[in-house]
């Protein structure tokens, strides 16, 4: 499991670093919360890719996001004014992406303390006191990336002969060769910032005249 997690982090890092990736930071509106900004930015860039490469307007885009951003958006929706569903089930949250023909993949080995954040971020030794205010997503057409596999060597559990009698040392050793490539025209590295789980929807005003 540890080996698979390390390889997953490396594969994601290679995808992000691929020359076909273009970085973009969509503008956040004044009344944008974590969820509305993330959905708006995703819809904007997905529409751009479809137009740029003459894809059908309902063509599905893959969108990789850090797994913890799902919990961030859930808390944001739970705090929304007039929203009476504190559970915010996964199916409800995913339906907003599905409606925009965007298929989200929640990546657990990306943008956490394993090569991303400092102490106090998600997964660090010290617990965080607030949600991160930014995160990135990787958007691309299905099939853009491919994984090539080479040799794999796994010695399993390795025990020191001297310390074995006292059961004092156990280690695992493995090695694998892989290749991540891109065959599609372009992928977008989208930075969502700033994002706050405050449920904001816009200015609330007092109505003094009855509406029709």
Protein backbone atom coordinates (compact mmCIF):
# COMPACT_ATOMS: atom_id res chain seq x y z
CA UNK A 1 0.00 0.00 0.00
CA UNK A 2 2.81 2.41 0.88
CA UNK A 3 4.49 1.68 -2.45
CA UNK A 4 1.25 2.31 -4.36
CA UNK A 5 0.70 5.62 -2.58
CA UNK A 6 4.23 6.83 -3.37
CA UNK A 7 3.84 5.87 -7.03
CA UNK A 8 0.48 7.60 -7.21
CA UNK A 9 2.00 10.85 -5.92
CA UNK A 10 4.78 10.60 -8.49
CA UNK A 11 2.37 9.91 -11.35
CA UNK A 12 0.22 12.92 -10.45
CA UNK A 13 3.32 15.12 -10.20
CA UNK A 14 4.41 13.98 -13.68
CA UNK A 15 0.97 14.72 -15.09
CA UNK A 16 1.03 18.25 -13.66
CA UNK A 17 4.56 18.86 -14.98
CA UNK A 18 3.79 17.65 -18.52
CA UNK A 19 4.53 20.23 -21.26
CA UNK A 20 0.92 20.01 -22.50
CA UNK A 21 -0.33 21.58 -19.25
CA UNK A 22 -1.36 25.24 -19.24
CA UNK A 23 -1.76 27.03 -15.90
CA UNK A 24 -4.72 29.35 -15.37
CA UNK A 25 -6.22 31.17 -12.36
CA UNK A 26 -9.85 32.15 -13.01
CA UNK A 27 -11.05 35.37 -11.41
CA UNK A 28 -13.08 34.89 -8.24
CA UNK A 29 -16.16 37.07 -7.95
CA UNK A 30 -16.86 39.20 -4.88
CA UNK A 31 -19.71 36.90 -3.81
CA UNK A 32 -18.02 33.62 -4.71
CA UNK A 33 -17.78 30.93 -2.06
CA UNK A 34 -15.67 27.78 -2.26
CA UNK A 35 -18.35 25.84 -4.12
CA UNK A 36 -19.60 28.54 -6.47
CA UNK A 37 -16.10 29.60 -7.46
CA UNK A 38 -14.94 26.02 -8.03
CA UNK A 39 -18.00 25.17 -10.13
CA UNK A 40 -17.83 28.43 -12.05
CA UNK A 41 -14.13 28.09 -12.79
CA UNK A 42 -14.56 24.46 -13.87
CA UNK A 43 -17.48 25.31 -16.17
CA UNK A 44 -15.56 28.24 -17.68
CA UNK A 45 -12.45 26.25 -18.52
CA UNK A 46 -14.37 23.17 -19.69
CA UNK A 47 -16.36 25.34 -22.09
CA UNK A 48 -13.12 26.92 -23.30
CA UNK A 49 -11.54 23.54 -24.06
CA UNK A 50 -14.61 22.35 -25.95
CA UNK A 51 -14.68 25.48 -28.11
CA UNK A 52 -10.92 25.57 -28.65
CA UNK A 53 -10.70 21.98 -29.88
CA UNK A 54 -14.10 21.88 -31.61
CA UNK A 55 -15.44 19.22 -29.29
CA UNK A 56 -19.19 18.70 -28.77
CA UNK A 57 -20.62 21.17 -26.26
CA UNK A 58 -21.58 18.24 -24.02
CA UNK A 59 -18.20 16.52 -24.29
CA UNK A 60 -17.14 15.16 -20.90
CA UNK A 61 -13.99 16.60 -19.28
CA UNK A 62 -11.98 14.82 -16.60
CA UNK A 63 -11.20 16.97 -13.57
CA UNK A 64 -8.79 15.83 -10.87
CA UNK A 65 -9.19 17.57 -7.51
CA UNK A 66 -7.60 16.99 -4.11
CA UNK A 67 -9.84 14.67 -2.11
CA UNK A 68 -10.14 17.10 0.79
CA UNK A 69 -11.69 19.78 -1.43
CA UNK A 70 -14.90 17.71 -1.45
CA UNK A 71 -15.19 18.15 2.33
CA UNK A 72 -14.40 21.86 1.91
CA UNK A 73 -17.26 22.33 -0.56
CA UNK A 74 -19.60 20.26 1.61
CA UNK A 75 -19.03 22.59 4.57
CA UNK A 76 -19.47 25.58 2.31
CA UNK A 77 -22.88 24.39 1.10
CA UNK A 78 -23.94 23.47 4.63
CA UNK A 79 -23.42 27.12 5.64
CA UNK A 80 -25.34 28.53 2.70
CA UNK A 81 -28.10 30.95 3.63
CA UNK A 82 -31.50 29.29 3.39
CA UNK A 83 -30.02 25.86 2.61
CA UNK A 84 -31.62 23.26 4.87
CA UNK A 85 -29.53 20.15 4.29
CA UNK A 86 -26.48 19.99 6.52
CA UNK A 87 -25.53 16.52 5.29
CA UNK A 88 -24.78 17.63 1.68
CA UNK A 89 -24.45 14.06 0.41
CA UNK A 90 -21.79 13.14 -2.15
CA UNK A 91 -24.43 12.47 -4.79
CA UNK A 92 -25.82 15.98 -4.40
CA UNK A 93 -22.39 17.57 -4.67
CA UNK A 94 -21.37 15.43 -7.65
CA UNK A 95 -24.62 16.24 -9.46
CA UNK A 96 -23.45 19.85 -9.87
CA UNK A 97 -20.36 18.69 -11.75
CA UNK A 98 -22.32 16.08 -13.71
CA UNK A 99 -24.74 18.78 -14.88
CA UNK A 100 -21.75 20.59 -16.38
CA UNK A 101 -20.47 17.39 -18.09
CA UNK A 102 -17.42 17.32 -15.84
CA UNK A 103 -16.32 14.04 -14.28
CA UNK A 104 -14.43 14.66 -11.03
CA UNK A 105 -11.74 12.36 -9.68
CA UNK A 106 -10.93 12.91 -6.00
CA UNK A 107 -7.17 12.45 -5.56
CA UNK A 108 -6.00 11.57 -2.06
CA UNK A 109 -2.28 11.80 -2.84
CA UNK A 110 -2.24 15.37 -4.11
CA UNK A 111 -1.96 18.76 -2.37
CA UNK A 112 -1.49 17.57 1.16
CA UNK A 113 1.62 17.37 3.33
CA UNK A 114 3.12 14.73 1.06
CA UNK A 115 4.99 17.17 -1.13
CA UNK A 116 2.48 20.02 -0.99
CA UNK A 117 1.76 21.83 2.27
CA UNK A 118 3.60 22.89 5.40
CA UNK A 119 2.84 22.13 9.03
CA UNK A 120 -0.80 22.81 9.83
CA UNK A 121 -2.19 21.73 6.45
CA UNK A 122 -4.24 18.62 5.79
CA UNK A 123 -2.47 15.50 7.01
CA UNK A 124 0.33 17.30 8.87
CA UNK A 125 1.53 16.35 12.35
CA UNK A 126 -0.17 19.40 13.86
CA UNK A 127 -3.90 19.70 13.08
CA UNK A 128 -5.04 22.67 10.93
CA UNK A 129 -7.19 25.44 12.38
CA UNK A 130 -8.82 26.48 9.09
CA UNK A 131 -9.44 25.10 5.64
CA UNK A 132 -6.84 25.96 2.96
CA UNK A 133 -7.77 29.03 0.96
CA UNK A 134 -6.65 27.65 -2.41
CA UNK A 135 -6.30 24.41 -4.31
CA UNK A 136 -5.58 23.30 -7.84
CA UNK A 137 -7.42 21.05 -10.27
CA UNK A 138 -6.20 19.28 -13.40
CA UNK A 139 -8.66 19.25 -16.32
CA UNK A 140 -8.29 17.32 -19.57
CA UNK A 141 -10.15 15.32 -22.19
CA UNK A 142 -10.55 11.60 -21.39
CA UNK A 143 -7.53 9.62 -22.57
CA UNK A 144 -5.18 12.61 -22.49
CA UNK A 145 -2.73 10.83 -20.16
CA UNK A 146 -1.47 7.28 -20.39
CA UNK A 147 0.62 5.13 -18.05
CA UNK A 148 3.43 2.88 -19.22
CA UNK A 149 4.77 0.17 -16.96
CA UNK A 150 8.25 -1.35 -16.97
CA UNK A 151 10.04 -3.55 -14.46
CA UNK A 152 8.77 -4.19 -10.95
CA UNK A 153 10.88 -5.57 -8.12
CA UNK A 154 9.48 -6.26 -4.68
CA UNK A 155 11.49 -7.92 -1.92
CA UNK A 156 8.62 -7.64 0.54
CA UNK A 157 9.58 -7.66 4.19
CA UNK A 158 13.32 -7.40 4.84
CA UNK A 159 14.61 -8.32 8.28
CA UNK A 160 18.08 -7.76 9.69
CA UNK A 161 19.76 -11.07 10.51
CA UNK A 162 21.37 -9.78 13.72
CA UNK A 163 18.27 -8.03 15.07
CA UNK A 164 15.89 -10.71 13.85
CA UNK A 165 16.18 -12.71 17.08
CA UNK A 166 14.91 -9.76 19.13
CA UNK A 167 12.36 -8.82 16.47
CA UNK A 168 13.93 -5.36 16.57
CA UNK A 169 13.83 -4.26 12.93
CA UNK A 170 11.50 -4.73 9.98
CA UNK A 171 11.68 -2.97 6.63
CA UNK A 172 10.09 -3.21 3.21
CA UNK A 173 11.83 -2.63 -0.11
CA UNK A 174 10.33 -2.30 -3.58
CA UNK A 175 11.13 -0.73 -6.94
CA UNK A 176 9.07 -0.02 -10.04
CA UNK A 177 9.64 1.66 -13.39
CA UNK A 178 6.77 3.64 -14.95
CA UNK A 179 6.17 6.30 -17.57
CA UNK A 180 3.43 8.94 -17.70
CA UNK A 181 2.81 10.44 -21.11
CA UNK A 182 0.25 12.70 -22.78
CA UNK A 183 -1.38 12.11 -26.14
CA UNK A 184 -4.00 14.87 -26.06
CA UNK A 185 -3.62 18.48 -27.19
CA UNK A 186 -3.80 20.28 -23.84
CA UNK A 187 -4.59 20.00 -20.13
CA UNK A 188 -5.35 22.86 -17.76
CA UNK A 189 -3.96 23.31 -14.26
CA UNK A 190 -6.69 25.42 -12.67
CA UNK A 191 -5.94 27.32 -9.46
CA UNK A 192 -9.04 28.00 -7.37
CA UNK A 193 -8.21 30.95 -5.14
CA UNK A 194 -9.36 32.33 -2.83
CA UNK A 195 -11.91 29.79 -1.62
CA UNK A 196 -13.68 30.05 1.72
CA UNK A 197 -16.35 27.67 3.09
CA UNK A 198 -18.52 30.58 4.22
CA UNK A 199 -21.64 29.82 2.19
CA UNK A 200 -21.78 33.37 0.85
CA UNK A 201 -24.33 33.91 -1.93
CA UNK A 202 -24.27 37.67 -2.40
CA UNK A 203 -25.45 40.78 -0.61
CA UNK A 204 -28.68 40.42 1.34
CA UNK A 205 -30.96 43.44 1.05
CA UNK A 206 -34.13 44.48 2.86
CA UNK A 207 -37.18 44.64 0.61
CA UNK A 208 -39.35 47.65 1.47
CA UNK A 209 -41.89 47.33 -1.34
CA UNK A 210 -44.01 44.26 -1.90
CA UNK A 211 -43.22 42.41 -5.09
CA UNK A 212 -45.79 41.33 -7.63
